[in-house]
Protein backbone atom coordinates (compact mmCIF):
# COMPACT_ATOMS: atom_id res chain seq x y z
CA MET A 1 81.10 165.94 79.18
CA THR A 2 84.69 164.80 79.41
CA GLY A 3 86.35 161.57 80.54
CA THR A 4 89.76 160.06 81.03
CA VAL A 5 90.96 156.70 79.81
CA PHE A 6 93.65 155.00 81.87
CA ASP A 7 95.83 152.28 80.39
CA ILE A 8 96.62 150.11 83.40
CA GLY A 9 98.31 147.37 81.44
CA TYR A 10 95.67 144.63 81.20
CA ARG A 11 96.52 142.12 78.50
CA SER A 12 94.70 139.06 77.30
CA TYR A 13 96.23 135.64 77.98
CA THR A 14 98.23 134.38 75.00
CA GLY A 15 99.74 131.20 76.43
CA ALA A 16 98.75 127.61 75.87
CA ARG A 17 95.27 126.64 77.10
CA GLU A 18 95.85 123.24 78.68
CA GLY A 19 92.33 122.68 79.99
CA ARG A 20 91.16 119.70 82.02
CA GLY A 21 94.19 117.54 81.25
CA ARG A 22 96.48 119.88 83.16
CA SER A 23 94.04 120.05 86.07
CA ARG A 24 93.85 116.27 86.27
CA LEU A 25 97.64 115.94 86.19
CA ALA A 26 98.04 118.57 88.91
CA LEU A 27 95.49 116.78 91.10
CA PHE A 28 97.23 113.44 90.47
CA ARG A 29 100.61 114.86 91.50
CA ASP A 30 99.10 116.47 94.58
CA GLY A 31 97.58 113.10 95.53
CA VAL A 32 100.93 111.33 95.28
CA ARG A 33 102.62 114.02 97.36
CA ALA A 34 99.86 113.99 99.97
CA SER A 35 100.02 110.19 100.25
CA LEU A 36 103.75 110.29 100.95
CA GLY A 37 103.66 113.41 103.10
CA LEU A 38 105.85 115.36 100.67
CA GLY A 39 105.80 119.11 101.13
CA ARG A 40 104.26 118.71 104.56
CA PRO A 41 105.64 118.73 108.13
CA PRO A 42 107.95 115.84 109.13
CA ARG A 43 105.28 114.11 111.21
CA ALA A 44 103.12 113.73 108.06
CA LYS A 45 105.92 111.71 106.45
CA VAL A 46 106.39 109.27 109.33
CA LEU A 47 103.36 107.03 108.73
CA PRO A 48 103.60 106.39 104.96
CA TRP A 49 107.36 105.95 104.92
CA LEU A 50 107.25 103.71 107.98
CA PHE A 51 104.98 101.31 106.12
CA VAL A 52 107.22 101.40 103.03
CA VAL A 53 110.21 100.53 105.23
CA LEU A 54 108.32 97.74 107.00
CA LEU A 55 107.12 96.21 103.74
CA SER A 56 110.63 96.36 102.30
CA GLY A 57 112.07 94.98 105.54
CA ILE A 58 109.91 91.86 105.29
CA ALA A 59 111.25 91.18 101.80
CA LEU A 60 114.82 91.84 102.89
CA VAL A 61 114.56 89.38 105.79
CA MET A 62 113.02 86.76 103.49
CA ALA A 63 115.89 87.21 101.02
CA MET A 64 118.54 86.99 103.76
CA ILE A 65 117.04 83.79 105.18
CA ALA A 66 116.83 82.21 101.73
CA GLY A 67 120.38 83.25 100.88
CA ALA A 68 121.75 81.85 104.14
CA ALA A 69 119.86 78.59 103.59
CA GLU A 70 121.24 78.22 100.07
CA ARG A 71 124.80 78.58 101.32
CA LEU A 72 124.40 76.37 104.41
CA VAL A 73 122.10 73.65 103.10
CA GLY A 74 123.03 73.74 99.44
CA ASP A 75 121.42 74.38 96.09
CA GLY A 76 117.61 74.19 96.16
CA ALA A 77 117.38 74.85 99.91
CA THR A 78 114.47 77.26 99.43
CA GLU A 79 112.32 74.51 97.92
CA LYS A 80 113.59 71.80 100.27
CA LEU A 81 112.88 73.83 103.41
CA ASN A 82 109.66 75.30 101.96
CA LEU A 83 110.83 78.84 102.64
CA PRO A 84 108.53 81.75 101.64
CA THR A 85 109.13 83.19 98.16
CA HIS A 86 107.38 85.65 95.82
CA ALA A 87 104.12 83.72 95.88
CA ASP A 88 104.00 83.94 99.68
CA TYR A 89 105.12 87.55 100.14
CA TYR A 90 101.76 89.19 99.50
CA GLY A 91 100.08 86.80 101.92
CA ILE A 92 102.60 87.70 104.62
CA ALA A 93 102.50 91.45 103.94
CA SER A 94 98.80 91.78 103.07
CA ILE A 95 97.74 92.95 106.53
CA LEU A 96 100.35 95.73 106.46
CA MET A 97 99.13 96.79 103.02
CA PHE A 98 95.53 96.94 104.22
CA VAL A 99 96.46 99.00 107.27
CA PHE A 100 98.66 101.26 105.13
CA ALA A 101 95.74 101.97 102.78
CA ALA A 102 93.25 102.41 105.63
CA LEU A 103 95.42 104.99 107.40
CA VAL A 104 96.82 106.93 104.43
CA ALA A 105 94.11 106.89 101.71
CA PRO A 106 91.58 108.98 103.71
CA GLU A 107 94.09 111.84 103.56
CA LEU A 108 93.22 112.27 99.88
CA LEU A 109 89.46 112.70 100.30
CA CYS A 110 88.56 113.49 103.90
CA ARG A 111 90.59 116.66 104.23
CA ASP A 112 89.17 118.10 100.99
CA ARG A 113 85.62 117.41 102.17
CA ARG A 114 86.22 118.81 105.65
CA GLU A 115 87.93 122.01 104.49
CA GLY A 116 85.65 122.63 101.52
CA VAL A 117 88.51 122.40 99.01
CA LEU A 118 86.53 120.18 96.66
CA GLN A 119 84.28 123.10 95.70
CA LEU A 120 87.35 125.17 94.81
CA TYR A 121 88.69 122.39 92.59
CA LEU A 122 85.41 122.21 90.70
CA VAL A 123 85.45 125.94 89.91
CA ARG A 124 88.23 125.10 87.46
CA PRO A 125 87.56 123.02 84.29
CA LEU A 126 87.36 119.90 86.40
CA THR A 127 84.42 117.56 87.06
CA GLY A 128 83.64 115.35 90.01
CA THR A 129 84.62 112.33 87.90
CA ASP A 130 87.98 113.95 87.09
CA TYR A 131 88.56 114.62 90.76
CA VAL A 132 87.86 111.14 92.09
CA ALA A 133 89.64 109.44 89.16
CA ALA A 134 92.79 111.50 89.75
CA ARG A 135 92.72 110.77 93.49
CA TRP A 136 92.17 107.05 92.85
CA ALA A 137 94.99 106.90 90.28
CA SER A 138 97.41 108.76 92.55
CA PHE A 139 96.90 106.44 95.51
CA LEU A 140 96.92 103.39 93.25
CA THR A 141 100.34 104.51 92.02
CA VAL A 142 101.66 104.87 95.56
CA MET A 143 100.29 101.49 96.63
CA THR A 144 101.62 99.75 93.51
CA VAL A 145 105.13 101.09 94.05
CA ALA A 146 104.90 100.08 97.72
CA ALA A 147 103.90 96.58 96.60
CA TRP A 148 106.54 96.26 93.86
CA LEU A 149 109.56 97.64 95.72
CA PRO A 150 109.77 94.80 98.30
CA GLN A 151 109.32 92.20 95.56
CA VAL A 152 112.19 93.71 93.58
CA ILE A 153 114.32 93.64 96.73
CA LEU A 154 113.33 90.01 97.33
CA PHE A 155 114.10 88.99 93.75
CA LEU A 156 117.50 90.68 93.77
CA GLY A 157 118.27 89.15 97.18
CA LEU A 158 117.29 85.65 96.05
CA CYS A 159 119.25 86.06 92.82
CA MET A 160 122.42 87.37 94.46
CA GLY A 161 122.14 84.90 97.34
CA ASP A 162 122.05 81.93 94.99
CA PRO A 163 125.39 80.21 94.34
CA ALA A 164 124.70 80.63 90.59
CA PRO A 165 122.91 83.99 90.08
CA ILE A 166 122.76 83.72 86.29
CA ALA A 167 121.23 80.26 86.48
CA TYR A 168 118.72 81.49 89.07
CA LEU A 169 117.74 84.42 86.83
CA ARG A 170 117.32 82.10 83.84
CA GLU A 171 115.15 79.72 85.83
CA HIS A 172 113.01 82.22 87.73
CA TRP A 173 112.68 85.23 85.40
CA LEU A 174 108.95 84.54 84.99
CA ASP A 175 108.51 85.49 88.65
CA ILE A 176 109.01 89.12 87.61
CA PRO A 177 105.81 89.57 85.52
CA ARG A 178 103.96 87.44 88.07
CA PHE A 179 104.81 89.59 91.09
CA LEU A 180 104.24 92.78 89.07
CA ALA A 181 100.75 91.62 88.06
CA SER A 182 100.05 90.46 91.62
CA GLY A 183 101.11 93.85 92.96
CA ILE A 184 98.55 95.58 90.75
CA ILE A 185 95.88 93.09 91.88
CA MET A 186 96.58 93.85 95.55
CA SER A 187 96.90 97.61 95.08
CA THR A 188 93.70 98.00 93.06
CA TYR A 189 91.72 96.13 95.70
CA VAL A 190 92.96 98.03 98.77
CA THR A 191 92.91 101.41 96.98
CA THR A 192 89.29 101.07 95.90
CA LEU A 193 87.99 99.90 99.27
CA ALA A 194 89.98 102.50 101.21
CA LEU A 195 88.83 105.44 99.08
CA LEU A 196 85.23 104.24 99.09
CA THR A 197 85.27 104.17 102.89
CA ALA A 198 86.87 107.63 103.00
CA SER A 199 84.16 109.05 100.72
CA PHE A 200 81.53 108.64 103.45
CA THR A 201 83.16 110.82 106.08
CA SER A 202 85.22 113.95 106.48
CA ARG A 203 87.20 112.48 109.39
CA ARG A 204 90.29 110.42 108.58
CA ALA A 205 90.18 108.60 111.89
CA TYR A 206 86.61 107.37 111.33
CA ALA A 207 87.46 105.99 107.88
CA ALA A 208 90.67 104.32 109.11
CA VAL A 209 89.07 102.72 112.17
CA PHE A 210 86.10 101.45 110.17
CA LEU A 211 88.22 99.82 107.46
CA VAL A 212 90.76 98.28 109.84
CA GLY A 213 87.91 97.04 112.01
CA LEU A 214 86.18 95.55 108.98
CA PHE A 215 89.24 93.49 108.09
CA ALA A 216 89.94 92.61 111.72
CA ILE A 217 86.40 91.35 112.33
CA THR A 218 85.66 89.54 109.08
CA THR A 219 88.92 87.59 108.96
CA PRO A 220 88.65 85.53 112.18
CA PHE A 221 84.85 85.32 111.94
CA THR A 222 84.80 83.88 108.43
CA ILE A 223 87.75 81.56 109.10
CA GLY A 224 86.12 80.06 112.17
CA LEU A 225 82.65 79.74 110.66
CA ALA A 226 83.96 78.35 107.36
CA ASP A 227 86.02 75.69 109.16
CA GLU A 228 82.95 74.60 111.10
CA MET A 229 80.91 74.28 107.90
CA ARG A 230 83.66 73.12 105.55
CA ASP A 231 81.45 70.40 104.02
CA GLY A 232 78.48 72.70 103.54
CA ALA A 233 78.39 76.46 103.07
CA GLY A 234 81.95 76.84 104.39
CA PRO A 235 83.59 77.61 101.02
CA TRP A 236 81.06 80.36 100.29
CA ILE A 237 81.45 81.86 103.77
CA SER A 238 85.23 81.76 103.31
CA MET A 239 84.86 84.02 100.28
CA PHE A 240 83.90 86.87 102.63
CA ASN A 241 87.33 86.81 104.23
CA LEU A 242 88.30 90.24 102.90
CA THR A 243 92.01 89.59 103.36
CA ASN A 244 92.00 86.54 101.10
CA ILE A 245 89.93 87.95 98.22
CA PRO A 246 92.94 89.35 96.28
CA LEU A 247 95.26 86.60 97.52
CA HIS A 248 93.21 83.97 95.68
CA VAL A 249 93.84 85.85 92.43
CA VAL A 250 97.55 86.02 93.29
CA ASP A 251 97.44 82.24 93.68
CA VAL A 252 95.97 81.95 90.18
CA ILE A 253 98.79 84.08 88.78
CA PHE A 254 101.52 82.02 90.49
CA GLY A 255 99.79 78.73 89.73
CA GLY A 256 99.39 77.50 93.28
CA PRO A 257 98.28 78.48 96.79
CA SER A 258 100.42 80.48 99.18
CA GLU A 259 100.92 79.65 102.83
CA MET A 260 98.08 82.04 103.70
CA THR A 261 95.48 80.46 101.42
CA GLU A 262 96.43 76.79 101.16
CA ASP A 263 93.86 75.83 103.84
CA ALA A 264 91.14 78.30 102.77
CA PRO A 265 87.86 76.45 102.06
CA ALA A 266 87.10 78.87 99.20
CA ARG A 267 89.80 77.24 97.09
CA VAL A 268 87.45 74.37 96.20
CA LEU A 269 85.21 76.80 94.29
CA GLY A 270 87.71 77.12 91.47
CA SER A 271 89.74 79.89 89.88
CA THR A 272 86.93 81.30 87.74
CA THR A 273 84.63 81.85 90.72
CA LEU A 274 87.38 83.41 92.83
CA VAL A 275 88.53 85.77 90.07
CA THR A 276 84.93 86.81 89.36
CA TRP A 277 84.38 87.45 93.06
CA TYR A 278 87.49 89.64 93.14
CA LEU A 279 86.30 91.64 90.13
CA ALA A 280 82.94 92.19 91.83
CA TRP A 281 84.73 93.61 94.87
CA ILE A 282 86.58 96.01 92.57
CA LEU A 283 83.83 97.09 90.18
CA VAL A 284 80.93 97.54 92.60
CA PRO A 285 82.86 99.69 95.13
CA ALA A 286 84.40 101.66 92.24
CA LEU A 287 80.96 102.42 90.82
CA VAL A 288 79.67 103.49 94.23
CA LEU A 289 82.72 105.73 94.71
CA TRP A 290 82.24 107.29 91.28
CA SER A 291 78.52 107.84 91.84
CA ARG A 292 79.25 109.79 95.02
CA TYR A 293 81.38 112.32 93.14
CA ARG A 294 80.17 112.38 89.54
CA ARG A 295 77.45 114.97 90.24
CA ALA A 296 79.56 117.12 92.55
CA THR A 297 79.24 120.83 91.77
CA PRO A 298 81.02 123.91 93.15
């Protein structure tokens, strides 16, 4: 009995074995690119970049108004005229941030579920926890940059618009860590709620409509009911205004209420209660989101 051996050139892999860390990083990068529409057709870029431009435009207009007031009215015009500043920006732009997250975040989860890509990811050395953590971190990064960029524009505009930029910087430099911390507070909240909503459906439109509708319904309902019961259960009802939940924590960071929250009945409950309530709205949805993916298998 005879046989023939063919050497067809198979060789064992001798390169670096990067394991799960490389898979997580690749998934994180893909999430950032998907959120911004990078590497996709032009129409996929319109929505995310439109929101970035709108958020930055709000800050630019605020800076231009403050700069004009300083030059026309004189030094301290921003405080005298009670013009919006860093503490008020997130209150003004919060609705846009919520809509941005509701429309863009489902892109990271819904398409993978609908097209069965999640099972392909998990064939690699990647777990369901790795997958959802990388997606969450990627969208959190996008939202944080979208929150910080307008604040940087606003700070530079206020500084350069002041008659004495160096004096303004010396007096207001603490606004920088405050608006950076506030940006993370806002981004963590909207990212977690948006991805949790997206985890229940494979259709982006369903997730977006549900989340936008949730904010649109709860805000006027809780405001009206809380005002009617201001001396009773009003403050506790006001806490269910989903738009104001992170804004109350922003108020704590800046040391005072913004224009959006100064009349909110929930303010009488105190900083500790409001911060604890915010943390509950972060941790509970995050645990539910994790539980939906931690046992995912290919």
